[in-house]
Amino acid sequence: MAREVEELRGKSNEELIEILNQVNEELFKLRRAIKSGGAIEKPGRIKVLKRTRARILTILRERGVKL
């Protein structure tokens, strides 16, 4: 976990926003698949994506970036 945070902190704001958009898109697709009645292959992926999203948002807020 600490390594992931260090990697995220080493990225620029633009890179973090791009990763955040990718995470949000994947999270949306997984949630849509669940709501449509389908089973997803890796249900734990949602938890990982939510935490990654929170980490990115925290780093951006620490840097004073407004979204």
Protein backbone atom coordinates (compact mmCIF):
# COMPACT_ATOMS: atom_id res chain seq x y z
CA MET A 1 0.00 0.00 0.00
CA ALA A 2 2.73 2.47 0.90
CA ARG A 3 4.44 1.82 -2.42
CA GLU A 4 1.24 2.61 -4.30
CA VAL A 5 0.84 5.90 -2.43
CA GLU A 6 4.45 6.84 -3.12
CA GLU A 7 3.95 6.11 -6.82
CA LEU A 8 0.82 8.25 -6.90
CA ARG A 9 2.54 11.11 -5.08
CA GLY A 10 5.30 11.05 -7.69
CA LYS A 11 2.85 11.74 -10.52
CA SER A 12 1.80 15.16 -11.77
CA ASN A 13 -1.66 16.57 -11.19
CA GLU A 14 -2.62 15.94 -14.82
CA GLU A 15 -1.56 12.30 -14.59
CA LEU A 16 -3.52 11.85 -11.37
CA ILE A 17 -6.65 13.36 -12.91
CA GLU A 18 -6.30 11.03 -15.91
CA ILE A 19 -5.94 8.00 -13.62
CA LEU A 20 -8.91 9.22 -11.58
CA ASN A 21 -11.04 9.37 -14.73
CA GLN A 22 -10.01 5.82 -15.66
CA VAL A 23 -10.82 4.55 -12.16
CA ASN A 24 -14.20 6.28 -12.18
CA GLU A 25 -15.03 4.80 -15.58
CA GLU A 26 -14.11 1.26 -14.52
CA LEU A 27 -16.03 1.64 -11.25
CA PHE A 28 -19.08 2.84 -13.18
CA LYS A 29 -18.90 -0.16 -15.53
CA LEU A 30 -18.63 -2.62 -12.63
CA ARG A 31 -21.53 -1.06 -10.76
CA ARG A 32 -23.64 -1.07 -13.92
CA ALA A 33 -22.86 -4.77 -14.46
CA ILE A 34 -23.97 -5.57 -10.92
CA LYS A 35 -27.20 -3.58 -11.22
CA SER A 36 -28.08 -5.25 -14.50
CA GLY A 37 -28.14 -8.55 -12.64
CA GLY A 38 -24.83 -9.93 -13.81
CA ALA A 39 -22.07 -11.35 -11.68
CA ILE A 40 -18.64 -9.82 -12.03
CA GLU A 41 -15.45 -11.89 -12.09
CA LYS A 42 -13.62 -10.04 -9.34
CA PRO A 43 -15.99 -8.43 -6.83
CA GLY A 44 -13.01 -7.32 -4.72
CA ARG A 45 -11.97 -5.03 -7.57
CA ILE A 46 -14.66 -2.54 -6.53
CA LYS A 47 -13.08 -2.17 -3.09
CA VAL A 48 -9.62 -1.65 -4.63
CA LEU A 49 -10.95 0.97 -7.06
CA LYS A 50 -12.79 2.88 -4.34
CA ARG A 51 -9.65 3.04 -2.21
CA THR A 52 -7.49 4.09 -5.16
CA ARG A 53 -10.02 6.81 -5.97
CA ALA A 54 -9.94 8.05 -2.38
CA ARG A 55 -6.13 8.10 -2.35
CA ILE A 56 -5.97 10.12 -5.56
CA LEU A 57 -8.57 12.60 -4.33
CA THR A 58 -6.70 12.99 -1.03
CA ILE A 59 -3.41 13.71 -2.80
CA LEU A 60 -5.06 16.24 -5.12
CA ARG A 61 -6.73 18.00 -2.19
CA GLU A 62 -3.46 18.13 -0.28
CA ARG A 63 -1.94 19.86 -3.31
CA GLY A 64 -4.83 22.32 -3.41
CA VAL A 65 -6.28 21.17 -6.73
CA LYS A 66 -9.96 21.92 -7.17
CA LEU A 67 -12.00 19.45 -9.20
